[in-house]
Amino acid sequence: MKVTHLAIPDVILIEPKVFNDGRGFFFESYNQAHFEAAVGQKISFVQDNHSYSSRNVLRGLHYQIKKPQGKLVRVAAGKVFDVAVDIRQSSPTFGRWVGEVLSAENKKQIWLPKGFAHGFVVLSDAAELLYKTTDYWAPEHERCIAWNDVTIAINWPIESDPVLSDLDAQGVALKTAEVFA
């Protein structure tokens, strides 16, 4: 597997070795030993999530202020632009974002450690995301930063207003959001 530290070094892009032949393909989507070597620490995942969304659906920027989650994200069908925003106040990259195109075709995965807000927008007709989390979903601790916060200034690759949930439409500005120390 190829491991690339992105512009925010704690966020890691993982590209598995894919074996293609006339029958199709095979790749190891997760190997605990290889993953922990890539991130440099022991990680325990407790929950797997599967999300389906249509074109132009934007989900995020989500995080849990208590019971924070590290996430390992990949796309099983379709294509998305996936974003991580550093919301650790003590971090030199606080308020900065990184984004990558994840797709069923490129099979790339992204690791977001605890302390990041996460979001994505669907670029294909539909997309299915699979992601592992290091803590359980706790809706009482879920928070949302506005996807279009001007201080973060994410360059979303969309041409029209995205389709948002009520939660996402009510996201708050980073300057007023609860963040990590």
C-alpha atoms as a PDB file:
ATOM      1  CA  MET A   1       0.000   0.000   0.000  1.00  0.00           C
ATOM      2  CA  LYS A   2       1.127   3.536  -0.710  1.00  0.00           C
ATOM      3  CA  VAL A   3       0.839   6.039   2.146  1.00  0.00           C
ATOM      4  CA  THR A   4       0.851   9.812   1.570  1.00  0.00           C
ATOM      5  CA  HIS A   5       0.701  12.432   4.316  1.00  0.00           C
ATOM      6  CA  LEU A   6      -1.400  15.296   2.977  1.00  0.00           C
ATOM      7  CA  ALA A   7      -0.888  19.053   3.484  1.00  0.00           C
ATOM      8  CA  ILE A   8      -2.177  18.494   7.017  1.00  0.00           C
ATOM      9  CA  PRO A   9       0.245  15.675   7.887  1.00  0.00           C
ATOM     10  CA  ASP A  10      -2.053  13.917  10.367  1.00  0.00           C
ATOM     11  CA  VAL A  11      -4.493  13.246   7.503  1.00  0.00           C
ATOM     12  CA  ILE A  12      -3.240  10.313   5.469  1.00  0.00           C
ATOM     13  CA  LEU A  13      -4.150   9.116   1.979  1.00  0.00           C
ATOM     14  CA  ILE A  14      -3.908   5.347   1.605  1.00  0.00           C
ATOM     15  CA  GLU A  15      -3.728   3.670  -1.797  1.00  0.00           C
ATOM     16  CA  PRO A  16      -3.997  -0.119  -1.657  1.00  0.00           C
ATOM     17  CA  LYS A  17      -2.148  -2.400  -4.014  1.00  0.00           C
ATOM     18  CA  VAL A  18      -4.782  -3.600  -6.486  1.00  0.00           C
ATOM     19  CA  PHE A  19      -4.479  -6.875  -8.373  1.00  0.00           C
ATOM     20  CA  ASN A  20      -6.382  -6.734 -11.686  1.00  0.00           C
ATOM     21  CA  ASP A  21      -6.883  -9.521 -14.203  1.00  0.00           C
ATOM     22  CA  GLY A  22      -9.501 -10.689 -16.686  1.00  0.00           C
ATOM     23  CA  ARG A  23     -11.820 -11.764 -13.866  1.00  0.00           C
ATOM     24  CA  GLY A  24     -11.848  -8.390 -12.105  1.00  0.00           C
ATOM     25  CA  PHE A  25      -9.771  -7.138  -9.197  1.00  0.00           C
ATOM     26  CA  PHE A  26      -8.727  -7.918  -5.645  1.00  0.00           C
ATOM     27  CA  PHE A  27      -7.305  -5.669  -2.952  1.00  0.00           C
ATOM     28  CA  GLU A  28      -6.902  -5.746   0.784  1.00  0.00           C
ATOM     29  CA  SER A  29      -9.162  -2.916   1.968  1.00  0.00           C
ATOM     30  CA  TYR A  30      -7.947  -3.101   5.561  1.00  0.00           C
ATOM     31  CA  ASN A  31      -5.029  -4.720   7.348  1.00  0.00           C
ATOM     32  CA  GLN A  32      -4.617  -3.721  11.009  1.00  0.00           C
ATOM     33  CA  ALA A  33      -0.825  -4.151  11.118  1.00  0.00           C
ATOM     34  CA  HIS A  34      -0.221  -2.189   7.897  1.00  0.00           C
ATOM     35  CA  PHE A  35      -2.670   0.536   8.905  1.00  0.00           C
ATOM     36  CA  GLU A  36      -1.124   1.021  12.346  1.00  0.00           C
ATOM     37  CA  ALA A  37       2.352   1.165  10.791  1.00  0.00           C
ATOM     38  CA  ALA A  38       1.081   3.859   8.389  1.00  0.00           C
ATOM     39  CA  VAL A  39      -0.482   6.040  11.100  1.00  0.00           C
ATOM     40  CA  GLY A  40       2.202   5.340  13.690  1.00  0.00           C
ATOM     41  CA  GLN A  41      -0.095   4.323  16.523  1.00  0.00           C
ATOM     42  CA  LYS A  42      -2.415   1.573  17.713  1.00  0.00           C
ATOM     43  CA  ILE A  43      -5.974   2.185  16.496  1.00  0.00           C
ATOM     44  CA  SER A  44      -9.105   0.279  17.476  1.00  0.00           C
ATOM     45  CA  PHE A  45     -12.176   0.575  15.283  1.00  0.00           C
ATOM     46  CA  VAL A  46     -15.539  -0.062  16.948  1.00  0.00           C
ATOM     47  CA  GLN A  47     -18.088   0.729  14.234  1.00  0.00           C
ATOM     48  CA  ASP A  48     -18.428   0.414  10.451  1.00  0.00           C
ATOM     49  CA  ASN A  49     -20.787   2.781   8.617  1.00  0.00           C
ATOM     50  CA  HIS A  50     -22.228   2.622   5.101  1.00  0.00           C
ATOM     51  CA  SER A  51     -23.671   5.755   3.503  1.00  0.00           C
ATOM     52  CA  TYR A  52     -25.551   6.126   0.196  1.00  0.00           C
ATOM     53  CA  SER A  53     -26.086   9.543  -1.396  1.00  0.00           C
ATOM     54  CA  SER A  54     -27.155  10.965  -4.754  1.00  0.00           C
ATOM     55  CA  ARG A  55     -25.310  13.446  -6.973  1.00  0.00           C
ATOM     56  CA  ASN A  56     -24.659  16.843  -5.395  1.00  0.00           C
ATOM     57  CA  VAL A  57     -25.537  15.691  -1.871  1.00  0.00           C
ATOM     58  CA  LEU A  58     -23.136  17.325   0.545  1.00  0.00           C
ATOM     59  CA  ARG A  59     -22.775  15.847   4.026  1.00  0.00           C
ATOM     60  CA  GLY A  60     -20.817  17.698   6.668  1.00  0.00           C
ATOM     61  CA  LEU A  61     -18.830  19.119   8.177  1.00  0.00           C
ATOM     62  CA  HIS A  62     -19.508  16.652  10.999  1.00  0.00           C
ATOM     63  CA  TYR A  63     -17.690  15.770  14.196  1.00  0.00           C
ATOM     64  CA  GLN A  64     -18.411  14.695  17.769  1.00  0.00           C
ATOM     65  CA  ILE A  65     -17.200  17.118  20.446  1.00  0.00           C
ATOM     66  CA  LYS A  66     -17.242  14.355  23.066  1.00  0.00           C
ATOM     67  CA  LYS A  67     -16.487  10.780  22.070  1.00  0.00           C
ATOM     68  CA  PRO A  68     -14.506  12.083  19.047  1.00  0.00           C
ATOM     69  CA  GLN A  69     -14.089   9.684  16.169  1.00  0.00           C
ATOM     70  CA  GLY A  70     -11.127   8.882  13.994  1.00  0.00           C
ATOM     71  CA  LYS A  71     -12.398   7.764  10.583  1.00  0.00           C
ATOM     72  CA  LEU A  72     -11.020   5.601   7.792  1.00  0.00           C
ATOM     73  CA  VAL A  73     -13.112   6.461   4.724  1.00  0.00           C
ATOM     74  CA  ARG A  74     -13.393   4.824   1.305  1.00  0.00           C
ATOM     75  CA  VAL A  75     -15.876   4.742  -1.562  1.00  0.00           C
ATOM     76  CA  ALA A  76     -17.379   1.422  -2.675  1.00  0.00           C
ATOM     77  CA  ALA A  77     -19.467   2.858  -5.543  1.00  0.00           C
ATOM     78  CA  GLY A  78     -19.324   6.202  -7.333  1.00  0.00           C
ATOM     79  CA  LYS A  79     -17.103   9.212  -6.658  1.00  0.00           C
ATOM     80  CA  VAL A  80     -16.923  11.902  -3.965  1.00  0.00           C
ATOM     81  CA  PHE A  81     -14.791  14.848  -2.954  1.00  0.00           C
ATOM     82  CA  ASP A  82     -13.882  14.091   0.650  1.00  0.00           C
ATOM     83  CA  VAL A  83     -12.760  16.831   3.077  1.00  0.00           C
ATOM     84  CA  ALA A  84     -11.058  16.971   6.479  1.00  0.00           C
ATOM     85  CA  VAL A  85     -10.921  20.217   8.490  1.00  0.00           C
ATOM     86  CA  ASP A  86      -8.516  20.542  11.417  1.00  0.00           C
ATOM     87  CA  ILE A  87     -10.513  21.804  14.420  1.00  0.00           C
ATOM     88  CA  ARG A  88      -7.807  21.305  17.052  1.00  0.00           C
ATOM     89  CA  GLN A  89      -7.156  24.812  18.417  1.00  0.00           C
ATOM     90  CA  SER A  90      -3.628  23.932  19.528  1.00  0.00           C
ATOM     91  CA  SER A  91      -2.696  22.652  16.060  1.00  0.00           C
ATOM     92  CA  PRO A  92      -0.565  24.745  13.678  1.00  0.00           C
ATOM     93  CA  THR A  93      -3.054  23.760  10.942  1.00  0.00           C
ATOM     94  CA  PHE A  94      -6.193  24.771  12.895  1.00  0.00           C
ATOM     95  CA  GLY A  95      -8.947  25.856  10.495  1.00  0.00           C
ATOM     96  CA  ARG A  96      -7.195  24.465   7.418  1.00  0.00           C
ATOM     97  CA  TRP A  97      -8.693  21.812   5.178  1.00  0.00           C
ATOM     98  CA  VAL A  98      -7.533  19.090   2.815  1.00  0.00           C
ATOM     99  CA  GLY A  99      -9.631  17.336   0.201  1.00  0.00           C
ATOM    100  CA  GLU A 100      -9.239  14.315  -2.044  1.00  0.00           C
ATOM    101  CA  VAL A 101     -11.324  12.616  -4.696  1.00  0.00           C
ATOM    102  CA  LEU A 102     -12.213   9.131  -3.489  1.00  0.00           C
ATOM    103  CA  SER A 103     -13.883   6.732  -5.878  1.00  0.00           C
ATOM    104  CA  ALA A 104     -14.683   3.093  -6.460  1.00  0.00           C
ATOM    105  CA  GLU A 105     -12.322   3.331  -9.410  1.00  0.00           C
ATOM    106  CA  ASN A 106      -9.250   4.757  -7.632  1.00  0.00           C
ATOM    107  CA  LYS A 107      -9.873   2.780  -4.402  1.00  0.00           C
ATOM    108  CA  LYS A 108      -8.102   5.449  -2.321  1.00  0.00           C
ATOM    109  CA  GLN A 109      -8.874   5.778   1.385  1.00  0.00           C
ATOM    110  CA  ILE A 110      -8.411   8.693   3.726  1.00  0.00           C
ATOM    111  CA  TRP A 111      -7.573   8.567   7.439  1.00  0.00           C
ATOM    112  CA  LEU A 112      -8.898  11.426   9.592  1.00  0.00           C
ATOM    113  CA  PRO A 113      -7.744  11.232  13.208  1.00  0.00           C
ATOM    114  CA  LYS A 114      -9.755  12.554  16.139  1.00  0.00           C
ATOM    115  CA  GLY A 115     -10.001  16.349  16.128  1.00  0.00           C
ATOM    116  CA  PHE A 116     -11.156  16.786  12.531  1.00  0.00           C
ATOM    117  CA  ALA A 117     -14.496  17.709  11.013  1.00  0.00           C
ATOM    118  CA  HIS A 118     -15.444  15.561   8.016  1.00  0.00           C
ATOM    119  CA  GLY A 119     -17.558  16.172   4.949  1.00  0.00           C
ATOM    120  CA  PHE A 120     -18.011  15.081   1.371  1.00  0.00           C
ATOM    121  CA  VAL A 121     -19.951  15.927  -1.764  1.00  0.00           C
ATOM    122  CA  VAL A 122     -21.083  13.331  -4.319  1.00  0.00           C
ATOM    123  CA  LEU A 123     -19.640  13.900  -7.807  1.00  0.00           C
ATOM    124  CA  SER A 124     -21.195  10.865  -9.540  1.00  0.00           C
ATOM    125  CA  ASP A 125     -24.878   9.972 -10.039  1.00  0.00           C
ATOM    126  CA  ALA A 126     -24.715   8.240  -6.656  1.00  0.00           C
ATOM    127  CA  ALA A 127     -22.040   7.108  -4.229  1.00  0.00           C
ATOM    128  CA  GLU A 128     -21.641   4.667  -1.377  1.00  0.00           C
ATOM    129  CA  LEU A 129     -19.131   5.435   1.369  1.00  0.00           C
ATOM    130  CA  LEU A 130     -17.804   2.893   3.822  1.00  0.00           C
ATOM    131  CA  TYR A 131     -16.019   4.141   6.891  1.00  0.00           C
ATOM    132  CA  LYS A 132     -14.640   2.733  10.090  1.00  0.00           C
ATOM    133  CA  THR A 133     -14.797   4.793  13.295  1.00  0.00           C
ATOM    134  CA  THR A 134     -12.787   4.691  16.502  1.00  0.00           C
ATOM    135  CA  ASP A 135     -15.779   5.506  18.710  1.00  0.00           C
ATOM    136  CA  TYR A 136     -19.517   4.956  18.531  1.00  0.00           C
ATOM    137  CA  TRP A 137     -21.953   7.442  17.053  1.00  0.00           C
ATOM    138  CA  ALA A 138     -23.226   9.683  19.840  1.00  0.00           C
ATOM    139  CA  PRO A 139     -25.900  11.994  18.400  1.00  0.00           C
ATOM    140  CA  GLU A 140     -25.999  14.100  21.578  1.00  0.00           C
ATOM    141  CA  HIS A 141     -22.352  15.071  20.927  1.00  0.00           C
ATOM    142  CA  GLU A 142     -22.632  15.518  17.154  1.00  0.00           C
ATOM    143  CA  ARG A 143     -21.787  18.978  15.851  1.00  0.00           C
ATOM    144  CA  CYS A 144     -21.771  20.531  12.389  1.00  0.00           C
ATOM    145  CA  ILE A 145     -19.674  23.346  10.971  1.00  0.00           C
ATOM    146  CA  ALA A 146     -21.118  25.132   7.933  1.00  0.00           C
ATOM    147  CA  TRP A 147     -19.926  23.539   4.707  1.00  0.00           C
ATOM    148  CA  ASN A 148     -19.503  27.010   3.189  1.00  0.00           C
ATOM    149  CA  ASP A 149     -17.795  28.764   6.129  1.00  0.00           C
ATOM    150  CA  VAL A 150     -15.835  31.637   4.587  1.00  0.00           C
ATOM    151  CA  THR A 151     -12.950  31.374   7.055  1.00  0.00           C
ATOM    152  CA  ILE A 152     -12.322  27.759   6.066  1.00  0.00           C
ATOM    153  CA  ALA A 153     -13.015  28.480   2.357  1.00  0.00           C
ATOM    154  CA  ILE A 154     -13.293  24.932   1.054  1.00  0.00           C
ATOM    155  CA  ASN A 155     -13.096  24.821  -2.721  1.00  0.00           C
ATOM    156  CA  TRP A 156     -15.944  22.349  -3.265  1.00  0.00           C
ATOM    157  CA  PRO A 157     -16.021  21.092  -6.898  1.00  0.00           C
ATOM    158  CA  ILE A 158     -19.731  21.843  -7.387  1.00  0.00           C
ATOM    159  CA  GLU A 159     -21.544  24.047  -9.881  1.00  0.00           C
ATOM    160  CA  SER A 160     -24.803  24.618  -8.016  1.00  0.00           C
ATOM    161  CA  ASP A 161     -26.131  24.684  -4.478  1.00  0.00           C
ATOM    162  CA  PRO A 162     -25.662  21.277  -2.860  1.00  0.00           C
ATOM    163  CA  VAL A 163     -28.424  19.118  -1.434  1.00  0.00           C
ATOM    164  CA  LEU A 164     -28.201  19.400   2.373  1.00  0.00           C
ATOM    165  CA  SER A 165     -29.867  17.800   5.368  1.00  0.00           C
ATOM    166  CA  ASP A 166     -31.527  20.060   7.952  1.00  0.00           C
ATOM    167  CA  LEU A 167     -28.520  19.514  10.241  1.00  0.00           C
ATOM    168  CA  ASP A 168     -26.052  20.481   7.523  1.00  0.00           C
ATOM    169  CA  ALA A 169     -28.084  23.523   6.469  1.00  0.00           C
ATOM    170  CA  GLN A 170     -27.838  24.774  10.071  1.00  0.00           C
ATOM    171  CA  GLY A 171     -24.067  24.283  10.426  1.00  0.00           C
ATOM    172  CA  VAL A 172     -22.316  27.008  12.415  1.00  0.00           C
ATOM    173  CA  ALA A 173     -19.276  29.101  11.599  1.00  0.00           C
ATOM    174  CA  LEU A 174     -15.918  27.791  12.775  1.00  0.00           C
ATOM    175  CA  LYS A 175     -15.419  30.920  14.908  1.00  0.00           C
ATOM    176  CA  THR A 176     -18.513  30.029  16.993  1.00  0.00           C
ATOM    177  CA  ALA A 177     -18.186  26.227  16.871  1.00  0.00           C
ATOM    178  CA  GLU A 178     -17.181  24.045  19.781  1.00  0.00           C
ATOM    179  CA  VAL A 179     -13.696  22.820  18.892  1.00  0.00           C
ATOM    180  CA  PHE A 180     -10.986  20.696  20.445  1.00  0.00           C
ATOM    181  CA  ALA A 181      -8.273  22.191  22.686  1.00  0.00           C
END
